[in-house]
Protein backbone atom coordinates (compact mmCIF):
# COMPACT_ATOMS: atom_id res chain seq x y z
CA UNK A 1 31.63 -4.93 -16.35
CA UNK A 2 34.34 -7.02 -18.05
CA UNK A 3 37.65 -8.11 -16.40
CA UNK A 4 40.81 -9.92 -17.30
CA UNK A 5 41.61 -10.72 -13.48
CA UNK A 6 40.72 -14.27 -13.47
CA UNK A 7 41.71 -16.92 -11.07
CA UNK A 8 40.59 -20.68 -11.45
CA UNK A 9 41.09 -23.20 -8.80
CA UNK A 10 40.83 -27.04 -8.94
CA UNK A 11 37.86 -29.29 -8.86
CA UNK A 12 36.72 -30.03 -5.35
CA UNK A 13 34.48 -32.92 -4.24
CA UNK A 14 31.53 -32.05 -1.95
CA UNK A 15 31.00 -33.90 1.31
CA UNK A 16 27.48 -35.19 0.88
CA UNK A 17 25.60 -38.42 0.64
CA UNK A 18 25.39 -38.07 -3.11
CA UNK A 19 28.77 -37.31 -4.64
CA UNK A 20 29.21 -33.99 -6.54
CA UNK A 21 31.91 -31.75 -7.59
CA UNK A 22 32.47 -28.16 -7.59
CA UNK A 23 34.37 -25.81 -10.07
CA UNK A 24 35.46 -22.42 -8.34
CA UNK A 25 37.00 -19.35 -9.86
CA UNK A 26 37.10 -15.79 -9.28
CA UNK A 27 36.53 -12.51 -11.60
CA UNK A 28 37.88 -9.34 -10.13
CA UNK A 29 38.02 -10.74 -6.73
CA UNK A 30 34.27 -12.09 -6.97
CA UNK A 31 33.94 -15.78 -6.43
CA UNK A 32 31.93 -18.02 -8.51
CA UNK A 33 31.10 -21.86 -8.68
CA UNK A 34 29.22 -24.45 -10.48
CA UNK A 35 28.32 -27.87 -9.23
CA UNK A 36 28.45 -31.13 -11.36
CA UNK A 37 27.45 -34.72 -10.56
CA UNK A 38 30.59 -36.31 -11.95
CA UNK A 39 34.28 -35.26 -11.82
CA UNK A 40 34.63 -35.69 -15.57
CA UNK A 41 31.92 -32.96 -16.16
CA UNK A 42 33.56 -30.75 -13.73
CA UNK A 43 36.83 -31.13 -15.17
CA UNK A 44 35.47 -30.40 -18.62
CA UNK A 45 34.00 -27.30 -17.47
CA UNK A 46 37.08 -26.12 -15.70
CA UNK A 47 39.12 -26.73 -18.92
CA UNK A 48 36.73 -24.64 -20.88
CA UNK A 49 37.36 -21.71 -18.34
CA UNK A 50 41.01 -22.14 -18.46
CA UNK A 51 41.10 -22.07 -22.28
CA UNK A 52 39.10 -18.94 -22.32
CA UNK A 53 41.53 -17.27 -19.71
CA UNK A 54 44.55 -18.54 -21.66
CA UNK A 55 43.08 -17.06 -25.04
CA UNK A 56 42.89 -13.50 -23.27
CA UNK A 57 38.91 -13.52 -23.25
CA UNK A 58 37.36 -11.06 -21.06
CA UNK A 59 35.08 -12.36 -18.17
CA UNK A 60 31.90 -10.74 -17.13
CA UNK A 61 31.96 -10.09 -13.34
CA UNK A 62 28.26 -10.40 -13.04
CA UNK A 63 28.02 -13.90 -14.38
CA UNK A 64 31.49 -15.02 -14.03
CA UNK A 65 31.66 -16.25 -17.63
CA UNK A 66 33.88 -15.47 -20.65
CA UNK A 67 32.10 -14.17 -23.67
CA UNK A 68 32.41 -17.47 -25.61
CA UNK A 69 30.74 -19.55 -22.92
CA UNK A 70 27.94 -16.97 -22.11
CA UNK A 71 27.05 -16.81 -25.73
CA UNK A 72 27.05 -20.57 -25.96
CA UNK A 73 24.77 -20.82 -22.84
CA UNK A 74 22.37 -18.22 -24.10
CA UNK A 75 22.15 -19.65 -27.55
CA UNK A 76 21.11 -23.38 -26.44
CA UNK A 77 17.49 -23.73 -27.24
CA UNK A 78 15.14 -26.40 -25.92
CA UNK A 79 14.96 -27.83 -29.48
CA UNK A 80 18.88 -28.24 -29.75
CA UNK A 81 19.04 -29.81 -26.20
CA UNK A 82 16.24 -32.15 -26.95
CA UNK A 83 18.08 -33.58 -29.98
CA UNK A 84 21.01 -34.05 -27.70
CA UNK A 85 18.89 -35.88 -25.11
CA UNK A 86 17.41 -38.21 -27.70
CA UNK A 87 20.87 -39.10 -29.20
CA UNK A 88 21.89 -39.94 -25.71
CA UNK A 89 18.76 -42.18 -24.83
CA UNK A 90 18.06 -43.72 -28.18
CA UNK A 91 20.72 -46.42 -28.40
CA UNK A 92 19.80 -47.94 -24.98
CA UNK A 93 15.91 -47.54 -25.01
CA UNK A 94 13.34 -50.13 -26.04
CA UNK A 95 11.26 -49.52 -29.08
CA UNK A 96 8.02 -48.54 -26.97
CA UNK A 97 10.31 -46.37 -24.79
CA UNK A 98 11.62 -44.60 -27.93
CA UNK A 99 7.98 -43.99 -29.08
CA UNK A 100 7.03 -42.40 -25.48
CA UNK A 101 10.29 -40.20 -25.48
CA UNK A 102 9.47 -38.96 -28.88
CA UNK A 103 5.85 -38.01 -28.12
CA UNK A 104 6.98 -36.23 -24.86
CA UNK A 105 9.80 -34.23 -26.49
CA UNK A 106 7.38 -33.26 -29.28
CA UNK A 107 4.91 -31.86 -26.64
CA UNK A 108 7.47 -29.94 -24.82
CA UNK A 109 8.91 -28.56 -28.13
CA UNK A 110 5.56 -27.32 -29.40
CA UNK A 111 4.96 -25.73 -25.91
CA UNK A 112 8.33 -23.84 -26.11
CA UNK A 113 7.86 -22.39 -29.46
CA UNK A 114 7.98 -18.45 -30.03
CA UNK A 115 5.26 -16.84 -32.27
CA UNK A 116 7.48 -16.11 -35.40
CA UNK A 117 6.46 -15.10 -38.91
CA UNK A 118 5.78 -17.93 -41.43
CA UNK A 119 4.52 -20.36 -38.78
CA UNK A 120 3.69 -23.82 -40.45
CA UNK A 121 0.36 -25.47 -39.60
CA UNK A 122 0.09 -27.30 -36.24
CA UNK A 123 -0.27 -30.61 -37.94
CA UNK A 124 2.82 -30.14 -40.04
CA UNK A 125 4.96 -29.04 -36.98
CA UNK A 126 3.75 -32.12 -35.18
CA UNK A 127 4.51 -34.48 -38.07
CA UNK A 128 7.89 -33.06 -38.64
CA UNK A 129 8.84 -33.68 -35.01
CA UNK A 130 7.29 -36.94 -34.72
CA UNK A 131 8.30 -38.49 -37.93
CA UNK A 132 11.80 -36.67 -38.52
CA UNK A 133 13.18 -34.60 -35.87
CA UNK A 134 12.96 -37.10 -32.92
CA UNK A 135 13.69 -40.32 -34.63
CA UNK A 136 16.96 -41.96 -35.41
CA UNK A 137 18.32 -41.78 -38.05
CA UNK A 138 17.30 -38.01 -38.13
CA UNK A 139 16.71 -35.65 -41.09
CA UNK A 140 20.34 -35.20 -41.57
CA UNK A 141 20.76 -38.84 -42.45
CA UNK A 142 17.58 -39.09 -44.46
CA UNK A 143 16.39 -37.10 -47.29
CA UNK A 144 13.30 -35.15 -45.92
CA UNK A 145 10.76 -33.51 -48.16
CA UNK A 146 11.20 -29.81 -48.70
CA UNK A 147 8.10 -28.80 -46.57
CA UNK A 148 9.58 -30.83 -43.69
CA UNK A 149 12.99 -29.40 -43.81
CA UNK A 150 11.51 -25.99 -44.00
CA UNK A 151 9.31 -26.76 -40.95
CA UNK A 152 12.28 -27.99 -38.88
CA UNK A 153 14.29 -24.93 -39.97
CA UNK A 154 11.51 -22.81 -38.49
CA UNK A 155 11.25 -24.80 -35.38
CA UNK A 156 14.96 -24.45 -34.74
CA UNK A 157 14.75 -20.57 -34.99
CA UNK A 158 11.47 -20.41 -33.05
CA UNK A 159 12.38 -22.62 -30.01
CA UNK A 160 12.87 -20.81 -26.96
CA UNK A 161 16.20 -20.89 -24.92
CA UNK A 162 16.57 -23.97 -22.47
CA UNK A 163 17.31 -21.53 -19.65
CA UNK A 164 13.63 -20.29 -19.94
CA UNK A 165 12.64 -23.16 -17.96
CA UNK A 166 14.46 -21.92 -14.86
CA UNK A 167 11.38 -19.65 -14.54
CA UNK A 168 8.75 -21.79 -12.69
CA UNK A 169 5.93 -20.04 -14.61
CA UNK A 170 7.47 -21.20 -17.93
CA UNK A 171 8.02 -24.94 -16.53
CA UNK A 172 4.39 -25.02 -15.20
CA UNK A 173 2.99 -24.01 -18.61
CA UNK A 174 4.95 -26.91 -20.16
CA UNK A 175 3.47 -29.37 -17.56
CA UNK A 176 -0.04 -27.98 -18.00
CA UNK A 177 0.21 -28.49 -21.83
CA UNK A 178 0.44 -32.31 -21.16
CA UNK A 179 -3.27 -32.21 -19.81
CA UNK A 180 -4.69 -31.07 -23.06
CA UNK A 181 -5.07 -33.46 -26.10
CA UNK A 182 -4.96 -32.21 -29.75
CA UNK A 183 -8.80 -32.15 -29.82
CA UNK A 184 -8.97 -29.98 -26.69
CA UNK A 185 -10.23 -32.70 -24.44
CA UNK A 186 -8.42 -33.79 -21.34
CA UNK A 187 -5.55 -36.25 -21.82
CA UNK A 188 -5.30 -39.72 -19.86
CA UNK A 189 -3.67 -39.44 -16.62
CA UNK A 190 -1.17 -42.22 -17.57
CA UNK A 191 -0.32 -40.10 -20.80
CA UNK A 192 0.46 -37.00 -18.60
CA UNK A 193 2.39 -38.96 -16.26
CA UNK A 194 4.62 -40.54 -19.03
CA UNK A 195 5.25 -37.21 -20.52
CA UNK A 196 6.19 -35.60 -17.19
CA UNK A 197 8.40 -38.50 -16.64
CA UNK A 198 10.43 -37.86 -19.74
CA UNK A 199 10.34 -34.16 -19.21
CA UNK A 200 11.89 -34.62 -15.63
CA UNK A 201 14.57 -37.15 -16.91
CA UNK A 202 15.62 -34.77 -19.58
CA UNK A 203 16.24 -31.97 -17.31
CA UNK A 204 18.22 -34.11 -15.14
CA UNK A 205 20.54 -34.59 -18.12
CA UNK A 206 20.67 -30.84 -18.48
CA UNK A 207 21.72 -30.72 -15.05
CA UNK A 208 24.42 -33.33 -15.97
CA UNK A 209 25.64 -31.16 -18.91
CA UNK A 210 25.97 -28.06 -16.50
CA UNK A 211 23.10 -26.06 -17.95
CA UNK A 212 21.27 -25.84 -14.59
CA UNK A 213 22.45 -26.23 -11.03
CA UNK A 214 19.53 -28.46 -10.11
CA UNK A 215 16.35 -29.59 -11.91
CA UNK A 216 14.14 -26.54 -12.32
CA UNK A 217 10.96 -28.62 -11.93
CA UNK A 218 11.75 -29.11 -8.26
CA UNK A 219 10.74 -25.41 -7.93
CA UNK A 220 7.38 -26.10 -9.48
CA UNK A 221 4.54 -27.08 -7.23
CA UNK A 222 2.22 -29.14 -9.64
CA UNK A 223 -0.19 -31.85 -8.91
CA UNK A 224 0.39 -35.04 -10.82
CA UNK A 225 -2.91 -36.62 -11.96
CA UNK A 226 -3.83 -39.83 -10.13
CA UNK A 227 -3.50 -43.00 -12.21
CA UNK A 228 -5.48 -46.12 -11.21
CA UNK A 229 -3.49 -49.34 -11.83
CA UNK A 230 -6.36 -51.39 -10.62
CA UNK A 231 -7.97 -53.75 -13.24
CA UNK A 232 -11.71 -53.02 -13.82
CA UNK A 233 -13.63 -56.16 -12.76
CA UNK A 234 -16.26 -55.56 -15.43
CA UNK A 235 -13.64 -56.60 -17.96
CA UNK A 236 -13.17 -60.06 -16.37
CA UNK A 237 -14.92 -63.05 -18.05
CA UNK A 238 -15.76 -66.26 -16.30
CA UNK A 239 -14.82 -69.66 -17.59
CA UNK A 240 -18.06 -70.31 -19.53
CA UNK A 241 -17.80 -66.98 -21.12
CA UNK A 242 -14.18 -67.56 -22.03
CA UNK A 243 -14.86 -70.88 -23.75
CA UNK A 244 -17.67 -69.20 -25.75
CA UNK A 245 -15.38 -66.55 -26.93
CA UNK A 246 -12.79 -68.92 -27.90
CA UNK A 247 -15.22 -71.13 -29.86
CA UNK A 248 -16.46 -67.89 -31.53
CA UNK A 249 -13.00 -67.02 -32.80
CA UNK A 250 -12.93 -70.21 -34.77
CA UNK A 251 -15.83 -68.91 -36.71
CA UNK A 252 -14.28 -65.70 -37.74
CA UNK A 253 -13.44 -65.56 -41.45
CA UNK A 254 -13.85 -68.38 -43.88
CA UNK A 255 -12.76 -71.93 -42.95
CA UNK A 256 -10.21 -72.17 -45.96
CA UNK A 257 -8.57 -68.93 -45.02
CA UNK A 258 -8.75 -69.88 -41.30
CA UNK A 259 -8.33 -66.33 -40.29
CA UNK A 260 -10.01 -66.98 -36.91
CA UNK A 261 -9.04 -70.70 -36.37
CA UNK A 262 -5.39 -69.98 -36.47
CA UNK A 263 -5.72 -67.45 -33.69
CA UNK A 264 -7.74 -69.63 -31.27
CA UNK A 265 -4.53 -70.96 -29.73
CA UNK A 266 -3.15 -67.42 -29.34
CA UNK A 267 -6.21 -66.16 -27.30
CA UNK A 268 -6.29 -69.55 -25.38
CA UNK A 269 -2.74 -68.94 -24.27
CA UNK A 270 -3.79 -65.43 -22.84
CA UNK A 271 -6.68 -66.96 -20.84
CA UNK A 272 -5.31 -70.55 -19.76
CA UNK A 273 -1.88 -69.51 -19.26
CA UNK A 274 -1.96 -65.82 -18.48
CA UNK A 275 0.27 -64.87 -21.11
CA UNK A 276 0.70 -61.18 -22.53
CA UNK A 277 -0.06 -61.04 -26.26
CA UNK A 278 3.68 -60.36 -27.14
CA UNK A 279 4.74 -63.39 -25.13
CA UNK A 280 2.02 -65.55 -27.02
CA UNK A 281 3.14 -64.32 -30.37
CA UNK A 282 6.72 -65.18 -29.58
CA UNK A 283 5.97 -68.80 -28.38
CA UNK A 284 7.68 -71.49 -30.43
CA UNK A 285 6.87 -75.22 -30.54
CA UNK A 286 10.54 -75.88 -28.85
CA UNK A 287 9.27 -73.91 -25.85
CA UNK A 288 6.39 -76.40 -25.07
CA UNK A 289 5.98 -79.56 -23.36
CA UNK A 290 2.65 -80.97 -24.34
CA UNK A 291 1.89 -84.54 -22.91
CA UNK A 292 -0.86 -86.70 -23.90
CA UNK A 293 -2.56 -86.33 -20.47
CA UNK A 294 -2.22 -83.83 -17.54
CA UNK A 295 -0.53 -80.46 -17.53
CA UNK A 296 2.15 -79.36 -19.77
CA UNK A 297 4.55 -76.28 -19.67
CA UNK A 298 5.61 -73.24 -21.62
CA UNK A 299 9.14 -71.95 -21.30
CA UNK A 300 8.82 -68.26 -21.93
CA UNK A 301 12.04 -66.42 -23.00
CA UNK A 302 10.98 -64.29 -26.09
CA UNK A 303 8.50 -61.50 -26.85
CA UNK A 304 7.43 -60.05 -30.26
CA UNK A 305 5.63 -56.72 -29.33
CA UNK A 306 4.14 -54.67 -32.10
CA UNK A 307 5.82 -51.16 -31.92
CA UNK A 308 6.33 -49.76 -35.47
CA UNK A 309 9.22 -49.83 -37.82
CA UNK A 310 10.57 -46.56 -36.96
CA UNK A 311 11.25 -47.46 -33.37
CA UNK A 312 13.08 -50.89 -33.83
CA UNK A 313 16.86 -51.31 -34.80
CA UNK A 314 15.85 -53.82 -37.36
CA UNK A 315 13.40 -51.62 -39.29
CA UNK A 316 10.62 -54.41 -38.49
CA UNK A 317 7.11 -53.58 -37.25
CA UNK A 318 7.82 -56.14 -34.50
CA UNK A 319 10.61 -56.04 -32.02
CA UNK A 320 12.36 -59.25 -30.97
CA UNK A 321 13.32 -59.16 -27.32
CA UNK A 322 13.36 -60.91 -23.90
CA UNK A 323 10.70 -60.90 -21.18
CA UNK A 324 9.22 -57.81 -19.75
CA UNK A 325 10.89 -56.66 -16.53
CA UNK A 326 13.48 -59.47 -16.65
CA UNK A 327 17.19 -59.55 -17.83
CA UNK A 328 17.72 -60.01 -21.56
CA UNK A 329 18.37 -63.87 -21.16
CA UNK A 330 15.57 -64.30 -18.36
CA UNK A 331 13.26 -67.16 -18.59
CA UNK A 332 9.83 -68.03 -17.06
CA UNK A 333 8.47 -71.40 -16.90
CA UNK A 334 4.47 -71.42 -16.89
CA UNK A 335 2.36 -74.41 -16.17
CA UNK A 336 -0.44 -75.06 -18.74
CA UNK A 337 -3.64 -76.85 -18.04
CA UNK A 338 -4.90 -79.89 -19.98
CA UNK A 339 -7.42 -77.75 -21.84
CA UNK A 340 -4.66 -75.45 -23.22
CA UNK A 341 -2.42 -78.55 -24.06
CA UNK A 342 -5.21 -79.71 -26.12
CA UNK A 343 -5.87 -76.69 -27.97
CA UNK A 344 -2.12 -76.20 -28.84
CA UNK A 345 -1.74 -79.68 -29.88
CA UNK A 346 -4.84 -79.31 -32.26
CA UNK A 347 -3.23 -76.13 -33.53
CA UNK A 348 0.16 -77.76 -34.41
CA UNK A 349 -1.67 -80.51 -36.26
CA UNK A 350 -3.79 -78.19 -38.17
CA UNK A 351 -1.24 -75.46 -38.97
CA UNK A 352 2.16 -76.59 -37.84
CA UNK A 353 4.82 -73.71 -37.42
CA UNK A 354 6.39 -70.80 -39.11
CA UNK A 355 9.85 -71.25 -40.70
CA UNK A 356 11.35 -70.14 -37.32
CA UNK A 357 9.35 -72.43 -35.15
CA UNK A 358 6.63 -69.89 -33.89
CA UNK A 359 3.31 -71.16 -33.25
CA UNK A 360 1.16 -68.36 -34.45
CA UNK A 361 1.96 -66.80 -37.83
CA UNK A 362 0.03 -64.85 -40.56
CA UNK A 363 -1.45 -66.29 -43.62
CA UNK A 364 2.04 -65.36 -45.36
CA UNK A 365 4.07 -66.77 -42.39
CA UNK A 366 5.03 -63.43 -40.90
CA UNK A 367 4.45 -62.17 -37.39
CA UNK A 368 0.67 -61.78 -36.43
CA UNK A 369 0.02 -58.06 -36.24
CA UNK A 370 -1.91 -56.45 -33.39
CA UNK A 371 -4.55 -55.08 -35.77
CA UNK A 372 -5.18 -58.56 -37.13
CA UNK A 373 -5.96 -60.34 -33.86
CA UNK A 374 -7.70 -57.10 -32.44
CA UNK A 375 -10.21 -57.20 -35.44
CA UNK A 376 -10.71 -60.96 -34.88
CA UNK A 377 -11.50 -60.55 -31.24
CA UNK A 378 -13.99 -57.83 -31.98
CA UNK A 379 -15.90 -60.09 -34.44
CA UNK A 380 -15.78 -63.04 -32.02
CA UNK A 381 -17.29 -60.88 -29.27
CA UNK A 382 -20.38 -59.97 -31.35
CA UNK A 383 -20.77 -63.82 -32.05
CA UNK A 384 -20.37 -64.97 -28.59
CA UNK A 385 -21.89 -62.34 -26.38
CA UNK A 386 -25.47 -60.80 -26.16
CA UNK A 387 -25.82 -57.19 -27.32
CA UNK A 388 -25.74 -55.88 -23.89
CA UNK A 389 -22.46 -57.48 -23.04
CA UNK A 390 -20.98 -56.40 -26.35
CA UNK A 391 -21.84 -52.85 -25.39
CA UNK A 392 -20.06 -53.38 -22.07
CA UNK A 393 -16.45 -53.45 -21.05
CA UNK A 394 -16.56 -57.36 -20.76
CA UNK A 395 -13.28 -58.74 -22.61
CA UNK A 396 -13.32 -55.63 -24.63
CA UNK A 397 -9.52 -56.08 -25.30
CA UNK A 398 -7.66 -59.34 -25.94
CA UNK A 399 -5.46 -58.37 -22.88
CA UNK A 400 -8.46 -58.68 -20.78
CA UNK A 401 -8.09 -62.55 -21.20
CA UNK A 402 -4.80 -62.31 -19.12
CA UNK A 403 -6.72 -60.25 -16.52
CA UNK A 404 -9.29 -62.91 -16.39
CA UNK A 405 -6.88 -65.59 -16.18
CA UNK A 406 -4.95 -63.94 -13.00
CA UNK A 407 -8.32 -63.07 -11.46
CA UNK A 408 -9.64 -66.68 -11.83
CA UNK A 409 -6.46 -68.05 -10.25
CA UNK A 410 -6.62 -65.78 -7.25
CA UNK A 411 -10.25 -66.59 -6.57
CA UNK A 412 -9.39 -70.32 -6.89
CA UNK A 413 -7.31 -69.66 -3.87
CA UNK A 414 -3.79 -70.13 -5.54
CA UNK A 415 -1.02 -68.44 -3.38
CA UNK A 416 -0.51 -65.00 -4.76
CA UNK A 417 3.36 -65.66 -4.79
CA UNK A 418 2.61 -68.68 -7.29
CA UNK A 419 0.37 -66.39 -9.33
CA UNK A 420 2.86 -63.68 -9.56
CA UNK A 421 5.58 -66.17 -10.64
CA UNK A 422 3.43 -67.45 -13.44
CA UNK A 423 2.38 -64.11 -14.63
CA UNK A 424 5.79 -62.36 -14.53
CA UNK A 425 4.72 -59.74 -11.96
CA UNK A 426 5.68 -58.90 -8.43
CA UNK A 427 3.18 -59.80 -5.57
CA UNK A 428 2.75 -56.26 -4.84
CA UNK A 429 1.82 -55.31 -8.35
CA UNK A 430 -0.44 -58.35 -8.68
CA UNK A 431 -2.49 -57.64 -5.61
CA UNK A 432 -2.63 -53.98 -6.12
CA UNK A 433 -4.01 -54.45 -9.70
CA UNK A 434 -6.35 -57.36 -8.98
CA UNK A 435 -7.82 -56.45 -5.56
CA UNK A 436 -11.13 -55.72 -6.98
CA UNK A 437 -11.33 -58.68 -9.01
CA UNK A 438 -11.13 -61.12 -6.11
CA UNK A 439 -14.66 -62.20 -5.27
CA UNK A 440 -15.81 -63.61 -2.00
CA UNK A 441 -12.60 -62.65 0.03
CA UNK A 442 -14.77 -60.36 2.35
CA UNK A 443 -17.16 -63.25 3.23
CA UNK A 444 -14.23 -65.57 3.83
CA UNK A 445 -12.63 -63.11 6.08
CA UNK A 446 -15.87 -62.48 7.96
CA UNK A 447 -16.47 -66.39 8.59
CA UNK A 448 -12.98 -66.47 10.03
CA UNK A 449 -13.56 -63.59 12.30
CA UNK A 450 -17.02 -64.92 13.30
CA UNK A 451 -15.49 -68.55 14.05
CA UNK A 452 -12.91 -66.91 16.35
CA UNK A 453 -15.34 -64.85 18.31
CA UNK A 454 -17.61 -67.65 18.76
CA UNK A 455 -14.75 -69.71 20.37
CA UNK A 456 -14.92 -67.23 23.34
CA UNK A 457 -18.64 -67.20 23.84
């Protein structure tokens, strides 16, 4: 039933631990309210109500909304909302985060498509969303192929209303879709958790926009998959194995092209200094202190992670940013042992630096691609390890050299606080991840308990 008997009251702040603001109004003596997280959002919503009343619009006494706002709310699809959310998140997100948001929004969008005539193939829908819709600049700023434009038009028409997610059954169906890969197999637990995290955050934004009073996922009882953050002790190499692998890297490729030789120092930084691959790739000569004898230092402040051109602001495949989990201008000083000092000194004598001072660079002077050092590492494993070890998880990835470094330091009895500082981790994360890689701790604890008990015999 429609009515012109409308009264709109002011914005009222709610008394609670977390500030929120109510907009209250009445239609035909029936009181309605909406709650917002900020006063600005509440004021904006109240202004829209007042404008509709001033323009003489009729208000529905069942929903309390004027026709214009009711139509707008009903018409907002998940796809339209997802584009708004992406526009809000993109400018402030790191490249890898952008990639994760893109992947998550794509999964939700596909799960919320109605069956309409003319449905494009699953591959084309996914490509249109991943490569065009959820990337900035979007298809409106780029000239998309005709089939992509037609696919995005179909998606916009087939996307279900955002309000459908208020139904717990629909929300659960979306969450369950995260668990299945394109090939029908179960998705990795970390992938499921990452997609859910983006989905939850997006719906928090929907609450901020006034589309929901609270996040609809709070009404869904859904078991999150358990993710193990512990390092598999089988990937950890001992010092002898590490040296064999580093020597084997130097034999990869021809001597003249030096495909492997120019990467020995890169892998040595991961093992002897515990650097992440992106930290080692960003290392410059000016960041190093390499004495003729004893320990040196590396002053880390720059990383060059490989992320893909579509995710970076520069359009380059490698981002140029500060250290992980630190302020943009943060630095980390890492002592480096004499073995690494010697390797880096030899590297500088043989190859010098790139134009910008970087130690490790491609044959053409560019940033070393992750695919390049990955292939070299796989070839080195086959040269250094017996067949049974090659087939095992032992040092399967270059990153496992960092795991080996931190495990070695902890087993050497280095204080966890010092190890965490050198590694750029918190002590809690360090001990949680490497608990299974610390050998002999149980025997030491047993001896200490036994010695104490013996004192009282």
